[in-house]
Amino acid sequence: MALDTAKKQEIIQKFARDSKDTGSSEVQIALLTQRIADLTEHLKANKKDHSSRLGLLKLVGKRKHLLKYLKNSQHDRYVKLIKDLGIKDK
C-alpha cells in the first residue's frame, strides 16, 4: 500500500518549506493523510483485511501526534495545513 514515487514527490513539493525539505511535520502529515485515504479505500473493498485495519489505526495515531505537535509549536502552519488537507479540527 505504499505511495508511488511520482505521487509522493508531488505531495512533498506541495507541502515542503523549501526545495530540500522532505521531513518537516507538514510533509509527514500530508504523506500520512494520503496513505490513510488509500488504506480507507482498500478497506471499503476488503472488509475482512484486519492487518491493514491495524496499520490504518497506527497511521491515524501517528498523524494525530504530529498534528498535536504542529498545533502546539506553530499554530499558523497547523491551521493552513488542515485547511489544505481538508482535515477536521477538533
PDB file of N, CA and C in Angstrom:
ATOM      1  N   MET A   1       0.802  -1.199   0.000  1.00  0.00           N
ATOM      2  CA  MET A   1       0.000   0.000   0.000  1.00  0.00           C
ATOM      3  C   MET A   1       0.850   1.270   0.000  1.00  0.00           C
ATOM      4  N   ALA A   2       2.084   1.154  -0.378  1.00  0.00           N
ATOM      5  CA  ALA A   2       2.967   2.316  -0.385  1.00  0.00           C
ATOM      6  C   ALA A   2       2.592   3.258  -1.534  1.00  0.00           C
ATOM      7  N   LEU A   3       2.920   4.516  -1.334  1.00  0.00           N
ATOM      8  CA  LEU A   3       2.664   5.513  -2.375  1.00  0.00           C
ATOM      9  C   LEU A   3       3.670   5.342  -3.506  1.00  0.00           C
ATOM     10  N   ASP A   4       3.237   5.570  -4.733  1.00  0.00           N
ATOM     11  CA  ASP A   4       4.197   5.530  -5.827  1.00  0.00           C
ATOM     12  C   ASP A   4       5.057   6.795  -5.791  1.00  0.00           C
ATOM     13  N   THR A   5       6.221   6.712  -6.387  1.00  0.00           N
ATOM     14  CA  THR A   5       7.225   7.763  -6.280  1.00  0.00           C
ATOM     15  C   THR A   5       6.739   9.102  -6.826  1.00  0.00           C
ATOM     16  N   ALA A   6       6.039   9.088  -7.937  1.00  0.00           N
ATOM     17  CA  ALA A   6       5.576  10.338  -8.541  1.00  0.00           C
ATOM     18  C   ALA A   6       4.584  11.055  -7.622  1.00  0.00           C
ATOM     19  N   LYS A   7       3.637  10.317  -7.062  1.00  0.00           N
ATOM     20  CA  LYS A   7       2.643  10.909  -6.164  1.00  0.00           C
ATOM     21  C   LYS A   7       3.318  11.441  -4.905  1.00  0.00           C
ATOM     22  N   LYS A   8       4.284  10.692  -4.395  1.00  0.00           N
ATOM     23  CA  LYS A   8       4.997  11.109  -3.195  1.00  0.00           C
ATOM     24  C   LYS A   8       5.775  12.402  -3.440  1.00  0.00           C
ATOM     25  N   GLN A   9       6.458  12.497  -4.580  1.00  0.00           N
ATOM     26  CA  GLN A   9       7.209  13.705  -4.912  1.00  0.00           C
ATOM     27  C   GLN A   9       6.286  14.907  -5.075  1.00  0.00           C
ATOM     28  N   GLU A  10       5.122  14.679  -5.651  1.00  0.00           N
ATOM     29  CA  GLU A  10       4.142  15.756  -5.832  1.00  0.00           C
ATOM     30  C   GLU A  10       3.686  16.303  -4.473  1.00  0.00           C
ATOM     31  N   ILE A  11       3.409  15.409  -3.542  1.00  0.00           N
ATOM     32  CA  ILE A  11       2.972  15.818  -2.208  1.00  0.00           C
ATOM     33  C   ILE A  11       4.093  16.561  -1.485  1.00  0.00           C
ATOM     34  N   ILE A  12       5.315  16.036  -1.598  1.00  0.00           N
ATOM     35  CA  ILE A  12       6.455  16.675  -0.942  1.00  0.00           C
ATOM     36  C   ILE A  12       6.659  18.082  -1.473  1.00  0.00           C
ATOM     37  N   GLN A  13       6.592  18.259  -2.782  1.00  0.00           N
ATOM     38  CA  GLN A  13       6.791  19.589  -3.358  1.00  0.00           C
ATOM     39  C   GLN A  13       5.689  20.561  -2.950  1.00  0.00           C
ATOM     40  N   LYS A  14       4.483  20.060  -2.813  1.00  0.00           N
ATOM     41  CA  LYS A  14       3.366  20.938  -2.454  1.00  0.00           C
ATOM     42  C   LYS A  14       3.470  21.442  -1.010  1.00  0.00           C
ATOM     43  N   PHE A  15       3.921  20.587  -0.090  1.00  0.00           N
ATOM     44  CA  PHE A  15       3.896  20.942   1.327  1.00  0.00           C
ATOM     45  C   PHE A  15       5.270  21.244   1.923  1.00  0.00           C
ATOM     46  N   ALA A  16       6.335  21.151   1.136  1.00  0.00           N
ATOM     47  CA  ALA A  16       7.680  21.401   1.654  1.00  0.00           C
ATOM     48  C   ALA A  16       7.893  22.884   1.927  1.00  0.00           C
ATOM     49  N   ARG A  17       8.728  23.160   2.914  1.00  0.00           N
ATOM     50  CA  ARG A  17       9.052  24.549   3.253  1.00  0.00           C
ATOM     51  C   ARG A  17      10.062  25.132   2.272  1.00  0.00           C
ATOM     52  N   ASP A  18      11.014  24.303   1.822  1.00  0.00           N
ATOM     53  CA  ASP A  18      11.980  24.725   0.815  1.00  0.00           C
ATOM     54  C   ASP A  18      12.265  23.546  -0.114  1.00  0.00           C
ATOM     55  N   SER A  19      13.205  23.704  -1.022  1.00  0.00           N
ATOM     56  CA  SER A  19      13.420  22.689  -2.051  1.00  0.00           C
ATOM     57  C   SER A  19      13.972  21.372  -1.521  1.00  0.00           C
ATOM     58  N   LYS A  20      14.686  21.393  -0.390  1.00  0.00           N
ATOM     59  CA  LYS A  20      15.291  20.166   0.145  1.00  0.00           C
ATOM     60  C   LYS A  20      14.530  19.591   1.327  1.00  0.00           C
ATOM     61  N   ASP A  21      13.365  20.113   1.629  1.00  0.00           N
ATOM     62  CA  ASP A  21      12.588  19.680   2.788  1.00  0.00           C
ATOM     63  C   ASP A  21      11.799  18.414   2.457  1.00  0.00           C
ATOM     64  N   THR A  22      12.098  17.336   3.166  1.00  0.00           N
ATOM     65  CA  THR A  22      11.327  16.104   2.989  1.00  0.00           C
ATOM     66  C   THR A  22      10.825  15.554   4.313  1.00  0.00           C
ATOM     67  N   GLY A  23      11.248  16.118   5.437  1.00  0.00           N
ATOM     68  CA  GLY A  23      10.903  15.532   6.714  1.00  0.00           C
ATOM     69  C   GLY A  23      10.188  16.442   7.679  1.00  0.00           C
ATOM     70  N   SER A  24       9.767  17.607   7.235  1.00  0.00           N
ATOM     71  CA  SER A  24       9.060  18.503   8.151  1.00  0.00           C
ATOM     72  C   SER A  24       7.713  17.903   8.537  1.00  0.00           C
ATOM     73  N   SER A  25       7.159  18.422   9.603  1.00  0.00           N
ATOM     74  CA  SER A  25       5.879  17.914  10.093  1.00  0.00           C
ATOM     75  C   SER A  25       4.792  18.015   9.030  1.00  0.00           C
ATOM     76  N   GLU A  26       4.782  19.111   8.279  1.00  0.00           N
ATOM     77  CA  GLU A  26       3.754  19.305   7.259  1.00  0.00           C
ATOM     78  C   GLU A  26       3.832  18.220   6.186  1.00  0.00           C
ATOM     79  N   VAL A  27       5.043  17.918   5.745  1.00  0.00           N
ATOM     80  CA  VAL A  27       5.225  16.899   4.711  1.00  0.00           C
ATOM     81  C   VAL A  27       4.828  15.525   5.244  1.00  0.00           C
ATOM     82  N   GLN A  28       5.263  15.210   6.460  1.00  0.00           N
ATOM     83  CA  GLN A  28       4.928  13.917   7.044  1.00  0.00           C
ATOM     84  C   GLN A  28       3.423  13.753   7.200  1.00  0.00           C
ATOM     85  N   ILE A  29       2.747  14.796   7.652  1.00  0.00           N
ATOM     86  CA  ILE A  29       1.298  14.732   7.838  1.00  0.00           C
ATOM     87  C   ILE A  29       0.600  14.570   6.492  1.00  0.00           C
ATOM     88  N   ALA A  30       1.061  15.281   5.481  1.00  0.00           N
ATOM     89  CA  ALA A  30       0.445  15.175   4.155  1.00  0.00           C
ATOM     90  C   ALA A  30       0.628  13.766   3.581  1.00  0.00           C
ATOM     91  N   LEU A  31       1.799  13.184   3.736  1.00  0.00           N
ATOM     92  CA  LEU A  31       2.038  11.823   3.249  1.00  0.00           C
ATOM     93  C   LEU A  31       1.191  10.808   4.011  1.00  0.00           C
ATOM     94  N   LEU A  32       1.103  10.973   5.323  1.00  0.00           N
ATOM     95  CA  LEU A  32       0.263  10.072   6.118  1.00  0.00           C
ATOM     96  C   LEU A  32      -1.202  10.192   5.719  1.00  0.00           C
ATOM     97  N   THR A  33      -1.641  11.408   5.438  1.00  0.00           N
ATOM     98  CA  THR A  33      -3.033  11.619   5.040  1.00  0.00           C
ATOM     99  C   THR A  33      -3.342  10.889   3.739  1.00  0.00           C
ATOM    100  N   GLN A  34      -2.423  10.938   2.786  1.00  0.00           N
ATOM    101  CA  GLN A  34      -2.625  10.235   1.522  1.00  0.00           C
ATOM    102  C   GLN A  34      -2.655   8.717   1.735  1.00  0.00           C
ATOM    103  N   ARG A  35      -1.747   8.202   2.567  1.00  0.00           N
ATOM    104  CA  ARG A  35      -1.735   6.762   2.845  1.00  0.00           C
ATOM    105  C   ARG A  35      -3.012   6.335   3.562  1.00  0.00           C
ATOM    106  N   ILE A  36      -3.502   7.179   4.472  1.00  0.00           N
ATOM    107  CA  ILE A  36      -4.748   6.876   5.186  1.00  0.00           C
ATOM    108  C   ILE A  36      -5.913   6.826   4.204  1.00  0.00           C
ATOM    109  N   ALA A  37      -5.958   7.755   3.280  1.00  0.00           N
ATOM    110  CA  ALA A  37      -7.035   7.765   2.280  1.00  0.00           C
ATOM    111  C   ALA A  37      -6.980   6.508   1.404  1.00  0.00           C
ATOM    112  N   ASP A  38      -5.762   6.110   0.994  1.00  0.00           N
ATOM    113  CA  ASP A  38      -5.615   4.909   0.176  1.00  0.00           C
ATOM    114  C   ASP A  38      -6.038   3.656   0.939  1.00  0.00           C
ATOM    115  N   LEU A  39      -5.627   3.562   2.198  1.00  0.00           N
ATOM    116  CA  LEU A  39      -5.999   2.398   3.000  1.00  0.00           C
ATOM    117  C   LEU A  39      -7.493   2.353   3.281  1.00  0.00           C
ATOM    118  N   THR A  40      -8.092   3.508   3.454  1.00  0.00           N
ATOM    119  CA  THR A  40      -9.538   3.560   3.689  1.00  0.00           C
ATOM    120  C   THR A  40     -10.295   3.009   2.483  1.00  0.00           C
ATOM    121  N   GLU A  41      -9.869   3.403   1.285  1.00  0.00           N
ATOM    122  CA  GLU A  41     -10.491   2.862   0.071  1.00  0.00           C
ATOM    123  C   GLU A  41     -10.281   1.359  -0.040  1.00  0.00           C
ATOM    124  N   HIS A  42      -9.092   0.894   0.306  1.00  0.00           N
ATOM    125  CA  HIS A  42      -8.805  -0.542   0.262  1.00  0.00           C
ATOM    126  C   HIS A  42      -9.715  -1.305   1.228  1.00  0.00           C
ATOM    127  N   LEU A  43      -9.912  -0.749   2.411  1.00  0.00           N
ATOM    128  CA  LEU A  43     -10.724  -1.440   3.418  1.00  0.00           C
ATOM    129  C   LEU A  43     -12.212  -1.411   3.090  1.00  0.00           C
ATOM    130  N   LYS A  44     -12.643  -0.461   2.284  1.00  0.00           N
ATOM    131  CA  LYS A  44     -14.038  -0.474   1.854  1.00  0.00           C
ATOM    132  C   LYS A  44     -14.310  -1.675   0.964  1.00  0.00           C
ATOM    133  N   ALA A  45     -13.322  -2.060   0.164  1.00  0.00           N
ATOM    134  CA  ALA A  45     -13.485  -3.196  -0.732  1.00  0.00           C
ATOM    135  C   ALA A  45     -13.147  -4.521  -0.049  1.00  0.00           C
ATOM    136  N   ASN A  46     -12.261  -4.487   0.942  1.00  0.00           N
ATOM    137  CA  ASN A  46     -11.791  -5.698   1.614  1.00  0.00           C
ATOM    138  C   ASN A  46     -12.078  -5.593   3.107  1.00  0.00           C
ATOM    139  N   LYS A  47     -13.308  -5.851   3.466  1.00  0.00           N
ATOM    140  CA  LYS A  47     -13.760  -5.627   4.832  1.00  0.00           C
ATOM    141  C   LYS A  47     -13.094  -6.538   5.855  1.00  0.00           C
ATOM    142  N   LYS A  48     -12.593  -7.688   5.444  1.00  0.00           N
ATOM    143  CA  LYS A  48     -12.019  -8.642   6.397  1.00  0.00           C
ATOM    144  C   LYS A  48     -10.501  -8.558   6.500  1.00  0.00           C
ATOM    145  N   ASP A  49      -9.914  -7.540   5.948  1.00  0.00           N
ATOM    146  CA  ASP A  49      -8.466  -7.377   5.993  1.00  0.00           C
ATOM    147  C   ASP A  49      -8.085  -6.678   7.306  1.00  0.00           C
ATOM    148  N   HIS A  50      -7.976  -7.480   8.362  1.00  0.00           N
ATOM    149  CA  HIS A  50      -7.760  -6.916   9.692  1.00  0.00           C
ATOM    150  C   HIS A  50      -6.343  -6.385   9.891  1.00  0.00           C
ATOM    151  N   SER A  51      -5.362  -6.956   9.238  1.00  0.00           N
ATOM    152  CA  SER A  51      -3.999  -6.452   9.401  1.00  0.00           C
ATOM    153  C   SER A  51      -3.857  -5.056   8.794  1.00  0.00           C
ATOM    154  N   SER A  52      -4.511  -4.809   7.684  1.00  0.00           N
ATOM    155  CA  SER A  52      -4.487  -3.470   7.105  1.00  0.00           C
ATOM    156  C   SER A  52      -5.244  -2.479   7.988  1.00  0.00           C
ATOM    157  N   ARG A  53      -6.298  -2.955   8.635  1.00  0.00           N
ATOM    158  CA  ARG A  53      -7.064  -2.098   9.539  1.00  0.00           C
ATOM    159  C   ARG A  53      -6.195  -1.664  10.722  1.00  0.00           C
ATOM    160  N   LEU A  54      -5.394  -2.592  11.251  1.00  0.00           N
ATOM    161  CA  LEU A  54      -4.492  -2.240  12.350  1.00  0.00           C
ATOM    162  C   LEU A  54      -3.437  -1.244  11.883  1.00  0.00           C
ATOM    163  N   GLY A  55      -2.920  -1.439  10.682  1.00  0.00           N
ATOM    164  CA  GLY A  55      -1.959  -0.493  10.120  1.00  0.00           C
ATOM    165  C   GLY A  55      -2.574   0.884   9.951  1.00  0.00           C
ATOM    166  N   LEU A  56      -3.825   0.920   9.523  1.00  0.00           N
ATOM    167  CA  LEU A  56      -4.537   2.191   9.373  1.00  0.00           C
ATOM    168  C   LEU A  56      -4.655   2.903  10.718  1.00  0.00           C
ATOM    169  N   LEU A  57      -4.993   2.163  11.752  1.00  0.00           N
ATOM    170  CA  LEU A  57      -5.117   2.777  13.076  1.00  0.00           C
ATOM    171  C   LEU A  57      -3.780   3.329  13.566  1.00  0.00           C
ATOM    172  N   LYS A  58      -2.687   2.638  13.266  1.00  0.00           N
ATOM    173  CA  LYS A  58      -1.364   3.136  13.643  1.00  0.00           C
ATOM    174  C   LYS A  58      -1.035   4.422  12.892  1.00  0.00           C
ATOM    175  N   LEU A  59      -1.367   4.466  11.608  1.00  0.00           N
ATOM    176  CA  LEU A  59      -1.110   5.674  10.815  1.00  0.00           C
ATOM    177  C   LEU A  59      -1.925   6.852  11.336  1.00  0.00           C
ATOM    178  N   VAL A  60      -3.173   6.609  11.688  1.00  0.00           N
ATOM    179  CA  VAL A  60      -4.028   7.677  12.214  1.00  0.00           C
ATOM    180  C   VAL A  60      -3.465   8.201  13.533  1.00  0.00           C
ATOM    181  N   GLY A  61      -2.990   7.300  14.379  1.00  0.00           N
ATOM    182  CA  GLY A  61      -2.389   7.711  15.649  1.00  0.00           C
ATOM    183  C   GLY A  61      -1.131   8.533  15.448  1.00  0.00           C
ATOM    184  N   LYS A  62      -0.287   8.118  14.505  1.00  0.00           N
ATOM    185  CA  LYS A  62       0.942   8.845  14.225  1.00  0.00           C
ATOM    186  C   LYS A  62       0.618  10.243  13.691  1.00  0.00           C
ATOM    187  N   ARG A  63      -0.370  10.321  12.786  1.00  0.00           N
ATOM    188  CA  ARG A  63      -0.767  11.625  12.247  1.00  0.00           C
ATOM    189  C   ARG A  63      -1.335  12.514  13.348  1.00  0.00           C
ATOM    190  N   LYS A  64      -2.098  11.925  14.255  1.00  0.00           N
ATOM    191  CA  LYS A  64      -2.691  12.688  15.356  1.00  0.00           C
ATOM    192  C   LYS A  64      -1.609  13.319  16.232  1.00  0.00           C
ATOM    193  N   HIS A  65      -0.564  12.545  16.529  1.00  0.00           N
ATOM    194  CA  HIS A  65       0.520  13.073  17.354  1.00  0.00           C
ATOM    195  C   HIS A  65       1.288  14.176  16.628  1.00  0.00           C
ATOM    196  N   LEU A  66       1.522  13.999  15.334  1.00  0.00           N
ATOM    197  CA  LEU A  66       2.208  15.036  14.569  1.00  0.00           C
ATOM    198  C   LEU A  66       1.369  16.308  14.480  1.00  0.00           C
ATOM    199  N   LEU A  67       0.057  16.153  14.314  1.00  0.00           N
ATOM    200  CA  LEU A  67      -0.821  17.326  14.274  1.00  0.00           C
ATOM    201  C   LEU A  67      -0.826  18.053  15.612  1.00  0.00           C
ATOM    202  N   LYS A  68      -0.821  17.298  16.700  1.00  0.00           N
ATOM    203  CA  LYS A  68      -0.792  17.908  18.031  1.00  0.00           C
ATOM    204  C   LYS A  68       0.501  18.694  18.231  1.00  0.00           C
ATOM    205  N   TYR A  69       1.620  18.107  17.800  1.00  0.00           N
ATOM    206  CA  TYR A  69       2.908  18.799  17.897  1.00  0.00           C
ATOM    207  C   TYR A  69       2.891  20.093  17.083  1.00  0.00           C
ATOM    208  N   LEU A  70       2.408  20.003  15.855  1.00  0.00           N
ATOM    209  CA  LEU A  70       2.386  21.179  14.988  1.00  0.00           C
ATOM    210  C   LEU A  70       1.457  22.251  15.537  1.00  0.00           C
ATOM    211  N   LYS A  71       0.331  21.842  16.100  1.00  0.00           N
ATOM    212  CA  LYS A  71      -0.619  22.795  16.669  1.00  0.00           C
ATOM    213  C   LYS A  71      -0.006  23.546  17.840  1.00  0.00           C
ATOM    214  N   ASN A  72       0.762  22.841  18.669  1.00  0.00           N
ATOM    215  CA  ASN A  72       1.359  23.478  19.842  1.00  0.00           C
ATOM    216  C   ASN A  72       2.577  24.324  19.496  1.00  0.00           C
ATOM    217  N   SER A  73       3.321  23.946  18.469  1.00  0.00           N
ATOM    218  CA  SER A  73       4.565  24.662  18.175  1.00  0.00           C
ATOM    219  C   SER A  73       4.389  25.763  17.131  1.00  0.00           C
ATOM    220  N   GLN A  74       3.591  25.523  16.087  1.00  0.00           N
ATOM    221  CA  GLN A  74       3.437  26.502  15.003  1.00  0.00           C
ATOM    222  C   GLN A  74       1.972  26.516  14.557  1.00  0.00           C
ATOM    223  N   HIS A  75       1.171  27.233  15.307  1.00  0.00           N
ATOM    224  CA  HIS A  75      -0.276  27.183  15.105  1.00  0.00           C
ATOM    225  C   HIS A  75      -0.700  27.700  13.741  1.00  0.00           C
ATOM    226  N   ASP A  76      -0.040  28.724  13.217  1.00  0.00           N
ATOM    227  CA  ASP A  76      -0.437  29.260  11.914  1.00  0.00           C
ATOM    228  C   ASP A  76      -0.217  28.236  10.796  1.00  0.00           C
ATOM    229  N   ARG A  77       0.881  27.494  10.851  1.00  0.00           N
ATOM    230  CA  ARG A  77       1.120  26.439   9.855  1.00  0.00           C
ATOM    231  C   ARG A  77       0.124  25.296  10.024  1.00  0.00           C
ATOM    232  N   TYR A  78      -0.246  25.010  11.268  1.00  0.00           N
ATOM    233  CA  TYR A  78      -1.237  23.973  11.552  1.00  0.00           C
ATOM    234  C   TYR A  78      -2.574  24.316  10.898  1.00  0.00           C
ATOM    235  N   VAL A  79      -3.014  25.548  11.070  1.00  0.00           N
ATOM    236  CA  VAL A  79      -4.307  25.974  10.515  1.00  0.00           C
ATOM    237  C   VAL A  79      -4.286  25.886   8.993  1.00  0.00           C
ATOM    238  N   LYS A  80      -3.192  26.334   8.387  1.00  0.00           N
ATOM    239  CA  LYS A  80      -3.077  26.283   6.934  1.00  0.00           C
ATOM    240  C   LYS A  80      -3.078  24.839   6.427  1.00  0.00           C
ATOM    241  N   LEU A  81      -2.374  23.964   7.143  1.00  0.00           N
ATOM    242  CA  LEU A  81      -2.266  22.568   6.727  1.00  0.00           C
ATOM    243  C   LEU A  81      -3.608  21.840   6.795  1.00  0.00           C
ATOM    244  N   ILE A  82      -4.338  22.007   7.889  1.00  0.00           N
ATOM    245  CA  ILE A  82      -5.615  21.300   7.978  1.00  0.00           C
ATOM    246  C   ILE A  82      -6.612  21.838   6.964  1.00  0.00           C
ATOM    247  N   LYS A  83      -6.483  23.109   6.634  1.00  0.00           N
ATOM    248  CA  LYS A  83      -7.344  23.681   5.600  1.00  0.00           C
ATOM    249  C   LYS A  83      -7.005  23.079   4.226  1.00  0.00           C
ATOM    250  N   ASP A  84      -5.697  22.980   3.922  1.00  0.00           N
ATOM    251  CA  ASP A  84      -5.257  22.437   2.626  1.00  0.00           C
ATOM    252  C   ASP A  84      -5.606  20.958   2.481  1.00  0.00           C
ATOM    253  N   LEU A  85      -5.482  20.204   3.575  1.00  0.00           N
ATOM    254  CA  LEU A  85      -5.726  18.762   3.508  1.00  0.00           C
ATOM    255  C   LEU A  85      -7.195  18.399   3.715  1.00  0.00           C
ATOM    256  N   GLY A  86      -7.979  19.320   4.239  1.00  0.00           N
ATOM    257  CA  GLY A  86      -9.382  19.046   4.484  1.00  0.00           C
ATOM    258  C   GLY A  86      -9.594  18.155   5.694  1.00  0.00           C
ATOM    259  N   ILE A  87      -8.718  18.289   6.675  1.00  0.00           N
ATOM    260  CA  ILE A  87      -8.836  17.503   7.917  1.00  0.00           C
ATOM    261  C   ILE A  87      -9.702  18.289   8.886  1.00  0.00           C
ATOM    262  N   LYS A  88     -10.560  17.579   9.623  1.00  0.00           N
ATOM    263  CA  LYS A  88     -11.389  18.246  10.603  1.00  0.00           C
ATOM    264  C   LYS A  88     -10.551  18.687  11.787  1.00  0.00           C
ATOM    265  N   ASP A  89     -10.851  19.854  12.302  1.00  0.00           N
ATOM    266  CA  ASP A  89     -10.188  20.373  13.500  1.00  0.00           C
ATOM    267  C   ASP A  89     -11.075  20.080  14.692  1.00  0.00           C
ATOM    268  N   LYS A  90     -10.475  19.550  15.731  1.00  0.00           N
ATOM    269  CA  LYS A  90     -11.262  19.228  16.925  1.00  0.00           C
ATOM    270  C   LYS A  90     -11.506  20.448  17.773  1.00  0.00           C
TER     271      LYS A  90
END
